[in-house]
Amino acid sequence: MTVPNTVDILDVAPQQVPEFIRSHADARTLSRLVRRLNAELLEGDEADRDLAAAALNHLGLGDQVGP
């Protein structure tokens, strides 16, 4: 299984996110996917950072700051 790009991740329907995560975990590509998104978040230009943050949030893996 190939690691999807950020736009492909954002195109996953919300109800399909659990299956998307499960299939990538089973295929052992989930950690590469998250690692790449984190790298884009930390090292990319503003547009890349925004897309990476949106993709992580879409997957339910974004930073959640609470009170």
Protein backbone atom coordinates (compact mmCIF):
# COMPACT_ATOMS: atom_id res chain seq x y z
CA MET A 1 0.00 0.00 0.00
CA THR A 2 1.35 3.40 -0.90
CA VAL A 3 1.33 6.33 1.49
CA PRO A 4 -1.27 8.86 0.32
CA ASN A 5 -0.45 12.52 0.00
CA THR A 6 -2.04 15.21 2.13
CA VAL A 7 -4.78 16.06 -0.37
CA ASP A 8 -5.71 12.38 -0.70
CA ILE A 9 -6.07 12.18 3.08
CA LEU A 10 -8.35 15.20 3.13
CA ASP A 11 -10.47 13.55 0.41
CA VAL A 12 -11.30 10.60 2.67
CA ALA A 13 -14.94 10.84 3.70
CA PRO A 14 -15.29 11.38 7.47
CA GLN A 15 -17.19 8.11 7.92
CA GLN A 16 -14.33 6.28 6.16
CA VAL A 17 -11.56 7.63 8.42
CA PRO A 18 -11.63 4.70 10.89
CA GLU A 19 -11.28 2.17 8.04
CA PHE A 20 -8.56 4.32 6.42
CA ILE A 21 -6.56 4.32 9.67
CA ARG A 22 -7.15 0.61 10.24
CA SER A 23 -6.06 -0.34 6.73
CA HIS A 24 -2.89 1.75 6.96
CA ALA A 25 -2.10 0.35 10.40
CA ASP A 26 -2.54 -3.19 9.03
CA ALA A 27 -0.34 -2.36 6.04
CA ARG A 28 2.26 -0.78 8.36
CA THR A 29 2.12 2.55 6.51
CA LEU A 30 0.35 4.60 9.18
CA SER A 31 3.52 5.62 11.00
CA ARG A 32 5.17 6.75 7.74
CA LEU A 33 2.05 8.73 6.88
CA VAL A 34 1.96 10.49 10.27
CA ARG A 35 5.72 11.05 10.22
CA ARG A 36 5.46 12.73 6.81
CA LEU A 37 2.56 14.92 7.94
CA ASN A 38 4.50 15.94 11.05
CA ALA A 39 7.53 16.82 8.91
CA GLU A 40 5.34 18.95 6.64
CA LEU A 41 3.83 20.57 9.70
CA LEU A 42 7.24 21.44 11.15
CA GLU A 43 9.30 22.13 8.05
CA GLY A 44 6.92 23.03 5.23
CA ASP A 45 5.91 26.42 3.95
CA GLU A 46 2.72 27.98 5.27
CA ALA A 47 0.45 26.21 2.77
CA ASP A 48 2.06 22.82 3.49
CA ARG A 49 1.76 23.38 7.24
CA ASP A 50 -1.91 24.30 6.94
CA LEU A 51 -2.69 21.24 4.81
CA ALA A 52 -0.73 18.92 7.12
CA ALA A 53 -2.53 20.29 10.19
CA ALA A 54 -5.88 19.87 8.44
CA ALA A 55 -5.03 16.29 7.46
CA LEU A 56 -3.95 15.38 11.00
CA ASN A 57 -7.14 16.90 12.38
CA HIS A 58 -9.22 15.09 9.75
CA LEU A 59 -7.71 11.81 10.92
CA GLY A 60 -8.33 12.72 14.56
CA LEU A 61 -4.60 12.93 15.24
CA GLY A 62 -4.23 16.68 15.54
CA ASP A 63 -3.09 18.58 18.59
CA GLN A 64 -5.92 18.97 21.03
CA VAL A 65 -5.29 21.68 23.54
CA GLY A 66 -7.72 21.65 26.42
CA PRO A 67 -8.50 24.07 29.23
